[in-house]
Amino acid sequence: MTDTNFNIIRVNDAYTDMVGKKTDECIGTKCYDNRGGEKCHTAECPLRIILSGKQKAVRCECFTKENSHKTHYMITAQPFYGNRGKLAGIVESFQDITEQKTIEGHLREQECFYRTVFDTIQDGITVLDLDLNIIQANQTVELYYGNTDITGKKCYQVYHNKKGPCENCPAKEAIRTGKLQKVEITVPDNQGDNLIIELFAVPFHDASGNVCGIVEYGRNITDRRKAEEAKVNLISELHHALSEIKVLKGILPFCSYCKKIRDDNGYWEKVDVYIHEHSAADISHGICPDCLKKFYPEHYEQIKNGKEDSELS
C-alpha cells in the first residue's frame, strides 16, 4: 500500500520475499526507490494514472532489471479512500510472470521459425478445418492467387470458384477415411493459365486420434507433364522414322556373269532395280574408268589426254 506521495505504508510477506528486504526496510521508503521499474517517473506509472483521476484501476506489465536479469511483473493498482471519501493511497499487487514471458518468447521464436519454413517450401500448402475452411496458407499459394487474403474462406470457392465441394474431393475423402489421398487437378493461376497440380490431402489428428483437420499440398507438375508429352511424341516420331527405313541384310544371291540378284520370289533382277525396291536409296547411273576404256576407247583417250594436258599446264 502506497500513500499519495508514493511512500510505502504497508507490505505483505510475499512482497518482502519478492524484493528481498525486511518489512521495516520497505515501509516509509518511496516505491520507486524500493522496487524501481521501467515505468517509474513516466506517464505510464500506474500510481500516477490513478492520482491523475484518468482511471480508477490500472492493470499493466512491467519489468525490473538487475545485473542484466529482467524480472517481469503483472501489476494491478487500485485506489483506496479515507473516512471522508478522500483518496488516501493506492494498493498494488505484483504477480511474477517472468517464466510466462520466457515461455512466450520461446513460442514466438518457434512460431517464427516454423512460419519461415512453411513459407520457404515451394509446394503450395493449405491447412483446412473439417468444414473445408482455409485456416492457413503459405506464400506459394498466396502468389498463385495474387497475395490475397484467403484465410477463413472455403477452399472450393478460392481454388475452383465453386459454390460447393468438388466431386471426388480429396480433402473430404481424407476426412472420411483418415488416410492420405492423392489426385491430379487442373486449375487456373492468377494469369489465367492452366496449371497441372499433383494434390495431396493429409489428415492430422487430435490427442484422441480423431481427424481434426487436413493439410493439402499441391505440387506444380505442368512442366513435367509437358516434358513427358514431348518425350512420347519424340519416341512416336522415331518409331515412325524407323518403320520407313529399309535395310539390306543377309546373303544376296548374285549372278557371277550378268550380275543380277535373285529376289525372294525367285526372279532375277538388275542390281539397280533390286536396290531401289529394297532400300530407301535412289540409283544414279554412270560409267567407271575401266568400262569406259573397254567400250569407249576413243572417249577414254580423249578424257585421259585432256586430264594430262590440264595437269601439264
C-alpha atoms as a PDB file:
ATOM      1  CA  MET A   1       0.000   0.000   0.000  1.00  0.00           C
ATOM      2  CA  THR A   2       1.310   3.446  -1.019  1.00  0.00           C
ATOM      3  CA  ASP A   3       0.123   6.871   0.033  1.00  0.00           C
ATOM      4  CA  THR A   4      -0.484   9.699  -2.402  1.00  0.00           C
ATOM      5  CA  ASN A   5       3.167  10.803  -2.077  1.00  0.00           C
ATOM      6  CA  PHE A   6       4.480   7.391  -3.249  1.00  0.00           C
ATOM      7  CA  ASN A   7       5.523   6.378   0.271  1.00  0.00           C
ATOM      8  CA  ILE A   8       5.078   2.694   1.132  1.00  0.00           C
ATOM      9  CA  ILE A   9       2.853   2.361   4.183  1.00  0.00           C
ATOM     10  CA  ARG A  10       2.215  -1.379   4.262  1.00  0.00           C
ATOM     11  CA  VAL A  11       3.528  -4.604   2.658  1.00  0.00           C
ATOM     12  CA  ASN A  12       2.799  -8.317   2.990  1.00  0.00           C
ATOM     13  CA  ASP A  13       5.279 -11.175   3.321  1.00  0.00           C
ATOM     14  CA  ALA A  14       5.072 -12.055  -0.363  1.00  0.00           C
ATOM     15  CA  TYR A  15       6.243  -8.546  -1.231  1.00  0.00           C
ATOM     16  CA  THR A  16       9.263  -8.677   1.115  1.00  0.00           C
ATOM     17  CA  ASP A  17      10.204 -12.043  -0.378  1.00  0.00           C
ATOM     18  CA  MET A  18       9.895 -10.557  -3.851  1.00  0.00           C
ATOM     19  CA  VAL A  19      12.174  -7.555  -3.223  1.00  0.00           C
ATOM     20  CA  GLY A  20      14.461  -9.387  -0.770  1.00  0.00           C
ATOM     21  CA  LYS A  21      14.021  -6.904   2.062  1.00  0.00           C
ATOM     22  CA  LYS A  22      12.538  -6.842   5.548  1.00  0.00           C
ATOM     23  CA  THR A  23       9.246  -5.117   6.328  1.00  0.00           C
ATOM     24  CA  ASP A  24      10.823  -2.187   8.201  1.00  0.00           C
ATOM     25  CA  GLU A  25      13.246  -1.664   5.319  1.00  0.00           C
ATOM     26  CA  CYS A  26      10.295  -1.169   2.998  1.00  0.00           C
ATOM     27  CA  ILE A  27       7.844   0.952   4.994  1.00  0.00           C
ATOM     28  CA  GLY A  28       8.495   4.700   4.738  1.00  0.00           C
ATOM     29  CA  THR A  29      10.544   4.440   1.554  1.00  0.00           C
ATOM     30  CA  LYS A  30       9.495   5.664  -1.862  1.00  0.00           C
ATOM     31  CA  CYS A  31       8.036   2.914  -4.009  1.00  0.00           C
ATOM     32  CA  TYR A  32      10.343   3.763  -6.924  1.00  0.00           C
ATOM     33  CA  ASP A  33      13.409   3.508  -4.645  1.00  0.00           C
ATOM     34  CA  ASN A  34      12.230   0.231  -3.144  1.00  0.00           C
ATOM     35  CA  ARG A  35      11.334  -1.555  -6.365  1.00  0.00           C
ATOM     36  CA  GLY A  36      12.321   0.638  -9.308  1.00  0.00           C
ATOM     37  CA  GLY A  37      10.863  -0.406 -12.652  1.00  0.00           C
ATOM     38  CA  GLU A  38      10.705   0.709 -16.288  1.00  0.00           C
ATOM     39  CA  LYS A  39       7.516   2.772 -15.747  1.00  0.00           C
ATOM     40  CA  CYS A  40       8.776   4.743 -12.754  1.00  0.00           C
ATOM     41  CA  HIS A  41       8.837   8.540 -13.298  1.00  0.00           C
ATOM     42  CA  THR A  42       6.890   8.161 -16.530  1.00  0.00           C
ATOM     43  CA  ALA A  43       3.322   8.915 -17.583  1.00  0.00           C
ATOM     44  CA  GLU A  44       2.710   5.149 -17.664  1.00  0.00           C
ATOM     45  CA  CYS A  45       3.253   4.754 -13.912  1.00  0.00           C
ATOM     46  CA  PRO A  46       0.026   3.112 -12.602  1.00  0.00           C
ATOM     47  CA  LEU A  47       0.117   5.281  -9.445  1.00  0.00           C
ATOM     48  CA  ARG A  48       0.389   8.489 -11.463  1.00  0.00           C
ATOM     49  CA  ILE A  49      -2.514   7.388 -13.674  1.00  0.00           C
ATOM     50  CA  ILE A  50      -4.769   6.811 -10.664  1.00  0.00           C
ATOM     51  CA  LEU A  51      -3.659  10.003  -8.923  1.00  0.00           C
ATOM     52  CA  SER A  52      -4.462  11.961 -12.098  1.00  0.00           C
ATOM     53  CA  GLY A  53      -8.033  10.640 -11.956  1.00  0.00           C
ATOM     54  CA  LYS A  54      -7.834   9.235 -15.527  1.00  0.00           C
ATOM     55  CA  GLN A  55      -8.563   5.673 -14.374  1.00  0.00           C
ATOM     56  CA  LYS A  56      -9.839   4.083 -11.176  1.00  0.00           C
ATOM     57  CA  ALA A  57      -7.916   0.864 -11.747  1.00  0.00           C
ATOM     58  CA  VAL A  58      -4.832   0.020 -13.763  1.00  0.00           C
ATOM     59  CA  ARG A  59      -3.513  -3.328 -14.938  1.00  0.00           C
ATOM     60  CA  CYS A  60      -0.220  -3.415 -16.809  1.00  0.00           C
ATOM     61  CA  GLU A  61       3.007  -5.305 -17.363  1.00  0.00           C
ATOM     62  CA  CYS A  62       6.311  -4.003 -16.098  1.00  0.00           C
ATOM     63  CA  PHE A  63       9.831  -5.286 -15.624  1.00  0.00           C
ATOM     64  CA  THR A  64      12.759  -4.542 -13.357  1.00  0.00           C
ATOM     65  CA  LYS A  65      16.341  -5.099 -14.409  1.00  0.00           C
ATOM     66  CA  GLU A  66      19.134  -6.132 -12.076  1.00  0.00           C
ATOM     67  CA  ASN A  67      22.560  -7.369 -13.238  1.00  0.00           C
ATOM     68  CA  SER A  68      21.240  -7.831 -16.819  1.00  0.00           C
ATOM     69  CA  HIS A  69      18.452 -10.052 -15.476  1.00  0.00           C
ATOM     70  CA  LYS A  70      14.883  -8.968 -16.180  1.00  0.00           C
ATOM     71  CA  THR A  71      12.025  -9.771 -13.824  1.00  0.00           C
ATOM     72  CA  HIS A  72       8.584  -9.272 -15.375  1.00  0.00           C
ATOM     73  CA  TYR A  73       5.502  -8.437 -13.304  1.00  0.00           C
ATOM     74  CA  MET A  74       1.805  -8.079 -13.919  1.00  0.00           C
ATOM     75  CA  ILE A  75       0.781  -5.062 -11.811  1.00  0.00           C
ATOM     76  CA  THR A  76      -2.753  -4.323 -10.644  1.00  0.00           C
ATOM     77  CA  ALA A  77      -3.271  -0.934  -8.982  1.00  0.00           C
ATOM     78  CA  GLN A  78      -6.455   0.291  -7.291  1.00  0.00           C
ATOM     79  CA  PRO A  79      -7.169   3.356  -5.111  1.00  0.00           C
ATOM     80  CA  PHE A  80      -8.360   3.247  -1.509  1.00  0.00           C
ATOM     81  CA  TYR A  81     -10.125   6.065   0.315  1.00  0.00           C
ATOM     82  CA  GLY A  82     -10.250   7.607   3.816  1.00  0.00           C
ATOM     83  CA  ASN A  83     -13.290   8.135   6.057  1.00  0.00           C
ATOM     84  CA  ARG A  84     -14.455  11.206   4.175  1.00  0.00           C
ATOM     85  CA  GLY A  85     -14.111   9.553   0.791  1.00  0.00           C
ATOM     86  CA  LYS A  86     -10.856  11.299   0.051  1.00  0.00           C
ATOM     87  CA  LEU A  87      -8.215   9.355  -1.875  1.00  0.00           C
ATOM     88  CA  ALA A  88      -5.812   8.003   0.742  1.00  0.00           C
ATOM     89  CA  GLY A  89      -3.491   5.903  -1.384  1.00  0.00           C
ATOM     90  CA  ILE A  90      -3.104   3.011  -3.808  1.00  0.00           C
ATOM     91  CA  VAL A  91      -2.992  -0.738  -3.355  1.00  0.00           C
ATOM     92  CA  GLU A  92      -0.687  -2.526  -5.776  1.00  0.00           C
ATOM     93  CA  SER A  93      -0.334  -6.251  -6.309  1.00  0.00           C
ATOM     94  CA  PHE A  94       2.548  -7.837  -8.213  1.00  0.00           C
ATOM     95  CA  GLN A  95       2.495 -11.180  -9.999  1.00  0.00           C
ATOM     96  CA  ASP A  96       5.853 -12.505 -11.190  1.00  0.00           C
ATOM     97  CA  ILE A  97       5.311 -13.504 -14.838  1.00  0.00           C
ATOM     98  CA  THR A  98       8.995 -13.875 -15.790  1.00  0.00           C
ATOM     99  CA  GLU A  99       8.654 -17.592 -16.559  1.00  0.00           C
ATOM    100  CA  GLN A 100       5.499 -16.957 -18.557  1.00  0.00           C
ATOM    101  CA  LYS A 101       7.240 -14.228 -20.595  1.00  0.00           C
ATOM    102  CA  THR A 102      10.215 -16.543 -21.205  1.00  0.00           C
ATOM    103  CA  ILE A 103       7.909 -19.285 -22.477  1.00  0.00           C
ATOM    104  CA  GLU A 104       6.046 -16.787 -24.642  1.00  0.00           C
ATOM    105  CA  GLY A 105       9.365 -15.647 -26.113  1.00  0.00           C
ATOM    106  CA  HIS A 106      10.356 -19.217 -26.946  1.00  0.00           C
ATOM    107  CA  LEU A 107       6.943 -19.813 -28.501  1.00  0.00           C
ATOM    108  CA  ARG A 108       7.287 -16.695 -30.657  1.00  0.00           C
ATOM    109  CA  GLU A 109      10.727 -17.838 -31.819  1.00  0.00           C
ATOM    110  CA  GLN A 110       9.401 -21.294 -32.674  1.00  0.00           C
ATOM    111  CA  GLU A 111       6.393 -19.810 -34.457  1.00  0.00           C
ATOM    112  CA  CYS A 112       8.692 -17.538 -36.480  1.00  0.00           C
ATOM    113  CA  PHE A 113      10.933 -20.490 -37.346  1.00  0.00           C
ATOM    114  CA  TYR A 114       8.097 -22.745 -38.450  1.00  0.00           C
ATOM    115  CA  ARG A 115       6.422 -19.938 -40.376  1.00  0.00           C
ATOM    116  CA  THR A 116       9.679 -19.281 -42.218  1.00  0.00           C
ATOM    117  CA  VAL A 117       9.997 -22.967 -43.105  1.00  0.00           C
ATOM    118  CA  PHE A 118       6.307 -23.081 -44.067  1.00  0.00           C
ATOM    119  CA  ASP A 119       6.695 -20.135 -46.447  1.00  0.00           C
ATOM    120  CA  THR A 120      10.013 -21.344 -47.886  1.00  0.00           C
ATOM    121  CA  ILE A 121       8.506 -24.602 -49.209  1.00  0.00           C
ATOM    122  CA  GLN A 122       7.842 -24.232 -52.934  1.00  0.00           C
ATOM    123  CA  ASP A 123       4.840 -26.593 -52.912  1.00  0.00           C
ATOM    124  CA  GLY A 124       1.569 -24.797 -52.199  1.00  0.00           C
ATOM    125  CA  ILE A 125       0.385 -25.745 -48.689  1.00  0.00           C
ATOM    126  CA  THR A 126      -3.078 -25.131 -47.219  1.00  0.00           C
ATOM    127  CA  VAL A 127      -4.383 -26.109 -43.782  1.00  0.00           C
ATOM    128  CA  LEU A 128      -8.141 -26.802 -43.698  1.00  0.00           C
ATOM    129  CA  ASP A 129     -10.607 -27.438 -40.898  1.00  0.00           C
ATOM    130  CA  LEU A 130     -13.288 -30.134 -41.115  1.00  0.00           C
ATOM    131  CA  ASP A 131     -15.659 -27.719 -42.874  1.00  0.00           C
ATOM    132  CA  LEU A 132     -13.047 -27.052 -45.602  1.00  0.00           C
ATOM    133  CA  ASN A 133     -12.335 -23.536 -44.353  1.00  0.00           C
ATOM    134  CA  ILE A 134      -8.798 -22.324 -45.016  1.00  0.00           C
ATOM    135  CA  ILE A 135      -7.017 -21.892 -41.686  1.00  0.00           C
ATOM    136  CA  GLN A 136      -3.612 -21.075 -43.093  1.00  0.00           C
ATOM    137  CA  ALA A 137      -1.795 -20.991 -46.446  1.00  0.00           C
ATOM    138  CA  ASN A 138       1.848 -20.487 -47.294  1.00  0.00           C
ATOM    139  CA  GLN A 139       3.316 -17.819 -49.567  1.00  0.00           C
ATOM    140  CA  THR A 140       3.456 -20.169 -52.566  1.00  0.00           C
ATOM    141  CA  VAL A 141      -0.347 -20.459 -52.511  1.00  0.00           C
ATOM    142  CA  GLU A 142      -0.749 -16.720 -51.984  1.00  0.00           C
ATOM    143  CA  LEU A 143       1.472 -15.988 -55.000  1.00  0.00           C
ATOM    144  CA  TYR A 144      -0.772 -18.152 -57.194  1.00  0.00           C
ATOM    145  CA  TYR A 145      -3.754 -16.045 -56.154  1.00  0.00           C
ATOM    146  CA  GLY A 146      -2.193 -12.598 -56.197  1.00  0.00           C
ATOM    147  CA  ASN A 147      -1.262 -12.365 -52.487  1.00  0.00           C
ATOM    148  CA  THR A 148      -4.927 -12.002 -51.498  1.00  0.00           C
ATOM    149  CA  ASP A 149      -6.095 -12.894 -48.003  1.00  0.00           C
ATOM    150  CA  ILE A 150      -7.804 -16.271 -48.346  1.00  0.00           C
ATOM    151  CA  THR A 151      -7.907 -17.223 -44.655  1.00  0.00           C
ATOM    152  CA  GLY A 152     -11.401 -18.169 -43.475  1.00  0.00           C
ATOM    153  CA  LYS A 153     -12.723 -18.835 -46.980  1.00  0.00           C
ATOM    154  CA  LYS A 154     -13.822 -22.192 -48.403  1.00  0.00           C
ATOM    155  CA  CYS A 155     -11.144 -23.970 -50.389  1.00  0.00           C
ATOM    156  CA  TYR A 156     -13.518 -24.769 -53.259  1.00  0.00           C
ATOM    157  CA  GLN A 157     -14.515 -21.103 -53.517  1.00  0.00           C
ATOM    158  CA  VAL A 158     -10.936 -19.849 -53.651  1.00  0.00           C
ATOM    159  CA  TYR A 159      -9.289 -22.574 -55.729  1.00  0.00           C
ATOM    160  CA  HIS A 160     -12.125 -23.685 -58.013  1.00  0.00           C
ATOM    161  CA  ASN A 161     -14.659 -20.823 -57.939  1.00  0.00           C
ATOM    162  CA  LYS A 162     -17.431 -23.213 -56.925  1.00  0.00           C
ATOM    163  CA  LYS A 163     -20.338 -22.875 -54.514  1.00  0.00           C
ATOM    164  CA  GLY A 164     -19.959 -26.380 -53.083  1.00  0.00           C
ATOM    165  CA  PRO A 165     -17.298 -29.041 -52.559  1.00  0.00           C
ATOM    166  CA  CYS A 166     -15.732 -30.560 -55.673  1.00  0.00           C
ATOM    167  CA  GLU A 167     -16.620 -34.021 -56.885  1.00  0.00           C
ATOM    168  CA  ASN A 168     -14.109 -36.612 -55.671  1.00  0.00           C
ATOM    169  CA  CYS A 169     -12.731 -34.012 -53.242  1.00  0.00           C
ATOM    170  CA  PRO A 170      -9.505 -35.477 -51.752  1.00  0.00           C
ATOM    171  CA  ALA A 171      -9.881 -33.441 -48.539  1.00  0.00           C
ATOM    172  CA  LYS A 172     -13.373 -34.845 -47.854  1.00  0.00           C
ATOM    173  CA  GLU A 173     -12.136 -38.355 -48.620  1.00  0.00           C
ATOM    174  CA  ALA A 174      -9.173 -37.891 -46.280  1.00  0.00           C
ATOM    175  CA  ILE A 175     -11.563 -36.753 -43.530  1.00  0.00           C
ATOM    176  CA  ARG A 176     -13.783 -39.793 -44.168  1.00  0.00           C
ATOM    177  CA  THR A 177     -11.011 -42.400 -44.316  1.00  0.00           C
ATOM    178  CA  GLY A 178      -8.373 -40.792 -42.134  1.00  0.00           C
ATOM    179  CA  LYS A 179      -5.814 -41.647 -44.832  1.00  0.00           C
ATOM    180  CA  LEU A 180      -3.704 -39.723 -47.334  1.00  0.00           C
ATOM    181  CA  GLN A 181      -5.361 -39.014 -50.687  1.00  0.00           C
ATOM    182  CA  LYS A 182      -3.700 -38.097 -53.994  1.00  0.00           C
ATOM    183  CA  VAL A 183      -5.220 -36.687 -57.209  1.00  0.00           C
ATOM    184  CA  GLU A 184      -4.212 -34.637 -60.247  1.00  0.00           C
ATOM    185  CA  ILE A 185      -6.208 -31.498 -60.983  1.00  0.00           C
ATOM    186  CA  THR A 186      -6.077 -28.624 -63.465  1.00  0.00           C
ATOM    187  CA  VAL A 187      -6.505 -25.131 -62.026  1.00  0.00           C
ATOM    188  CA  PRO A 188      -6.024 -21.621 -63.443  1.00  0.00           C
ATOM    189  CA  ASP A 189      -3.357 -19.392 -61.919  1.00  0.00           C
ATOM    190  CA  ASN A 190      -3.671 -15.638 -61.406  1.00  0.00           C
ATOM    191  CA  GLN A 191      -2.536 -15.111 -65.028  1.00  0.00           C
ATOM    192  CA  GLY A 192      -5.331 -17.285 -66.416  1.00  0.00           C
ATOM    193  CA  ASP A 193      -3.012 -20.127 -67.475  1.00  0.00           C
ATOM    194  CA  ASN A 194      -3.949 -23.711 -66.629  1.00  0.00           C
ATOM    195  CA  LEU A 195      -1.668 -25.493 -64.201  1.00  0.00           C
ATOM    196  CA  ILE A 196      -1.493 -29.243 -63.658  1.00  0.00           C
ATOM    197  CA  ILE A 197      -1.291 -29.827 -59.910  1.00  0.00           C
ATOM    198  CA  GLU A 198      -0.469 -33.064 -58.112  1.00  0.00           C
ATOM    199  CA  LEU A 199      -2.600 -32.638 -54.983  1.00  0.00           C
ATOM    200  CA  PHE A 200      -2.150 -34.484 -51.684  1.00  0.00           C
ATOM    201  CA  ALA A 201      -4.613 -34.348 -48.775  1.00  0.00           C
ATOM    202  CA  VAL A 202      -3.143 -35.497 -45.458  1.00  0.00           C
ATOM    203  CA  PRO A 203      -5.327 -35.741 -42.333  1.00  0.00           C
ATOM    204  CA  PHE A 204      -3.953 -34.727 -38.935  1.00  0.00           C
ATOM    205  CA  HIS A 205      -5.360 -35.973 -35.654  1.00  0.00           C
ATOM    206  CA  ASP A 206      -6.037 -34.711 -32.143  1.00  0.00           C
ATOM    207  CA  ALA A 207      -4.825 -36.344 -28.929  1.00  0.00           C
ATOM    208  CA  SER A 208      -7.736 -38.820 -29.084  1.00  0.00           C
ATOM    209  CA  GLY A 209      -6.834 -39.919 -32.601  1.00  0.00           C
ATOM    210  CA  ASN A 210      -9.765 -38.182 -34.288  1.00  0.00           C
ATOM    211  CA  VAL A 211      -9.248 -36.301 -37.552  1.00  0.00           C
ATOM    212  CA  CYS A 212      -9.317 -32.586 -36.741  1.00  0.00           C
ATOM    213  CA  GLY A 213      -8.080 -31.059 -39.979  1.00  0.00           C
ATOM    214  CA  ILE A 214      -6.400 -31.533 -43.330  1.00  0.00           C
ATOM    215  CA  VAL A 215      -3.069 -30.431 -44.734  1.00  0.00           C
ATOM    216  CA  GLU A 216      -3.319 -30.079 -48.504  1.00  0.00           C
ATOM    217  CA  TYR A 217      -0.202 -29.560 -50.548  1.00  0.00           C
ATOM    218  CA  GLY A 218      -0.118 -29.168 -54.292  1.00  0.00           C
ATOM    219  CA  ARG A 219       2.918 -29.681 -56.497  1.00  0.00           C
ATOM    220  CA  ASN A 220       3.027 -27.903 -59.856  1.00  0.00           C
ATOM    221  CA  ILE A 221       3.863 -30.644 -62.381  1.00  0.00           C
ATOM    222  CA  THR A 222       2.905 -28.684 -65.505  1.00  0.00           C
ATOM    223  CA  ASP A 223       6.481 -28.592 -66.849  1.00  0.00           C
ATOM    224  CA  ARG A 224       6.974 -32.259 -66.016  1.00  0.00           C
ATOM    225  CA  ARG A 225       3.812 -33.263 -67.880  1.00  0.00           C
ATOM    226  CA  LYS A 226       4.850 -31.159 -70.902  1.00  0.00           C
ATOM    227  CA  ALA A 227       8.279 -32.826 -70.919  1.00  0.00           C
ATOM    228  CA  GLU A 228       6.673 -36.278 -70.683  1.00  0.00           C
ATOM    229  CA  GLU A 229       4.324 -35.429 -73.556  1.00  0.00           C
ATOM    230  CA  ALA A 230       7.257 -34.180 -75.657  1.00  0.00           C
ATOM    231  CA  LYS A 231       9.156 -37.398 -74.911  1.00  0.00           C
ATOM    232  CA  VAL A 232       6.195 -39.548 -76.001  1.00  0.00           C
ATOM    233  CA  ASN A 233       5.862 -37.544 -79.231  1.00  0.00           C
ATOM    234  CA  LEU A 234       9.574 -37.870 -79.950  1.00  0.00           C
ATOM    235  CA  ILE A 235       9.518 -41.641 -79.394  1.00  0.00           C
ATOM    236  CA  SER A 236       6.497 -41.897 -81.701  1.00  0.00           C
ATOM    237  CA  GLU A 237       8.292 -39.916 -84.417  1.00  0.00           C
ATOM    238  CA  LEU A 238      11.404 -42.090 -84.068  1.00  0.00           C
ATOM    239  CA  HIS A 239       9.349 -45.273 -84.380  1.00  0.00           C
ATOM    240  CA  HIS A 240       7.667 -43.855 -87.459  1.00  0.00           C
ATOM    241  CA  ALA A 241      11.038 -42.936 -88.993  1.00  0.00           C
ATOM    242  CA  LEU A 242      12.497 -46.372 -88.231  1.00  0.00           C
ATOM    243  CA  SER A 243       9.485 -48.060 -89.820  1.00  0.00           C
ATOM    244  CA  GLU A 244      10.263 -46.280 -93.115  1.00  0.00           C
ATOM    245  CA  ILE A 245      13.928 -47.201 -93.173  1.00  0.00           C
ATOM    246  CA  LYS A 246      14.698 -50.198 -95.454  1.00  0.00           C
ATOM    247  CA  VAL A 247      17.895 -52.070 -94.699  1.00  0.00           C
ATOM    248  CA  LEU A 248      19.547 -54.692 -96.969  1.00  0.00           C
ATOM    249  CA  LYS A 249      20.840 -57.569 -94.869  1.00  0.00           C
ATOM    250  CA  GLY A 250      21.531 -61.282 -95.112  1.00  0.00           C
ATOM    251  CA  ILE A 251      23.065 -63.151 -98.105  1.00  0.00           C
ATOM    252  CA  LEU A 252      22.116 -61.847-101.565  1.00  0.00           C
ATOM    253  CA  PRO A 253      22.089 -64.412-104.456  1.00  0.00           C
ATOM    254  CA  PHE A 254      24.256 -62.680-107.065  1.00  0.00           C
ATOM    255  CA  CYS A 255      24.906 -63.942-110.644  1.00  0.00           C
ATOM    256  CA  SER A 256      28.636 -64.196-111.397  1.00  0.00           C
ATOM    257  CA  TYR A 257      28.120 -63.398-115.088  1.00  0.00           C
ATOM    258  CA  CYS A 258      25.265 -60.973-115.600  1.00  0.00           C
ATOM    259  CA  LYS A 259      25.438 -59.596-112.044  1.00  0.00           C
ATOM    260  CA  LYS A 260      21.677 -59.883-111.455  1.00  0.00           C
ATOM    261  CA  ILE A 261      20.214 -60.534-107.967  1.00  0.00           C
ATOM    262  CA  ARG A 262      17.555 -63.120-107.186  1.00  0.00           C
ATOM    263  CA  ASP A 263      14.674 -61.815-105.091  1.00  0.00           C
ATOM    264  CA  ASP A 264      12.587 -63.690-102.522  1.00  0.00           C
ATOM    265  CA  ASN A 265      10.169 -64.814-105.229  1.00  0.00           C
ATOM    266  CA  GLY A 266      12.911 -66.368-107.377  1.00  0.00           C
ATOM    267  CA  TYR A 267      13.043 -63.655-110.018  1.00  0.00           C
ATOM    268  CA  TRP A 268      16.354 -62.276-111.209  1.00  0.00           C
ATOM    269  CA  GLU A 269      16.545 -58.515-111.226  1.00  0.00           C
ATOM    270  CA  LYS A 270      19.160 -55.978-112.174  1.00  0.00           C
ATOM    271  CA  VAL A 271      21.178 -54.687-109.258  1.00  0.00           C
ATOM    272  CA  ASP A 272      19.866 -51.126-109.590  1.00  0.00           C
ATOM    273  CA  VAL A 273      16.247 -52.282-109.669  1.00  0.00           C
ATOM    274  CA  TYR A 274      16.715 -54.530-106.655  1.00  0.00           C
ATOM    275  CA  ILE A 275      18.417 -51.812-104.581  1.00  0.00           C
ATOM    276  CA  HIS A 276      15.718 -49.292-105.454  1.00  0.00           C
ATOM    277  CA  GLU A 277      12.884 -51.658-104.424  1.00  0.00           C
ATOM    278  CA  HIS A 278      14.519 -52.972-101.245  1.00  0.00           C
ATOM    279  CA  SER A 279      16.041 -49.822 -99.771  1.00  0.00           C
ATOM    280  CA  ALA A 280      15.468 -46.106 -99.467  1.00  0.00           C
ATOM    281  CA  ALA A 281      18.352 -45.369-101.846  1.00  0.00           C
ATOM    282  CA  ASP A 282      17.955 -43.934-105.343  1.00  0.00           C
ATOM    283  CA  ILE A 283      20.158 -45.079-108.246  1.00  0.00           C
ATOM    284  CA  SER A 284      22.246 -42.738-110.410  1.00  0.00           C
ATOM    285  CA  HIS A 285      23.860 -44.329-113.499  1.00  0.00           C
ATOM    286  CA  GLY A 286      27.388 -43.589-114.588  1.00  0.00           C
ATOM    287  CA  ILE A 287      30.460 -45.443-116.064  1.00  0.00           C
ATOM    288  CA  CYS A 288      33.671 -46.435-114.355  1.00  0.00           C
ATOM    289  CA  PRO A 289      37.108 -45.796-115.946  1.00  0.00           C
ATOM    290  CA  ASP A 290      37.679 -49.496-116.792  1.00  0.00           C
ATOM    291  CA  CYS A 291      34.360 -49.847-118.643  1.00  0.00           C
ATOM    292  CA  LEU A 292      34.945 -46.523-120.388  1.00  0.00           C
ATOM    293  CA  LYS A 293      38.303 -47.799-121.697  1.00  0.00           C
ATOM    294  CA  LYS A 294      36.814 -51.144-122.765  1.00  0.00           C
ATOM    295  CA  PHE A 295      33.641 -49.970-124.505  1.00  0.00           C
ATOM    296  CA  TYR A 296      34.515 -46.377-125.454  1.00  0.00           C
ATOM    297  CA  PRO A 297      38.303 -46.341-126.005  1.00  0.00           C
ATOM    298  CA  GLU A 298      38.240 -43.149-128.134  1.00  0.00           C
ATOM    299  CA  HIS A 299      36.455 -41.220-125.428  1.00  0.00           C
ATOM    300  CA  TYR A 300      38.735 -42.707-122.788  1.00  0.00           C
ATOM    301  CA  GLU A 301      41.825 -41.457-124.684  1.00  0.00           C
ATOM    302  CA  GLN A 302      40.290 -38.004-125.109  1.00  0.00           C
ATOM    303  CA  ILE A 303      39.423 -37.745-121.452  1.00  0.00           C
ATOM    304  CA  LYS A 304      42.816 -39.096-120.462  1.00  0.00           C
ATOM    305  CA  ASN A 305      44.679 -36.700-122.766  1.00  0.00           C
ATOM    306  CA  GLY A 306      42.522 -33.796-121.590  1.00  0.00           C
ATOM    307  CA  LYS A 307      43.465 -34.532-117.968  1.00  0.00           C
ATOM    308  CA  GLU A 308      47.162 -34.834-118.844  1.00  0.00           C
ATOM    309  CA  ASP A 309      47.110 -31.525-120.731  1.00  0.00           C
ATOM    310  CA  SER A 310      45.444 -29.771-117.829  1.00  0.00           C
ATOM    311  CA  GLU A 311      47.941 -31.271-115.410  1.00  0.00           C
ATOM    312  CA  LEU A 312      50.875 -30.189-117.589  1.00  0.00           C
ATOM    313  CA  SER A 313      49.523 -26.657-117.817  1.00  0.00           C
END
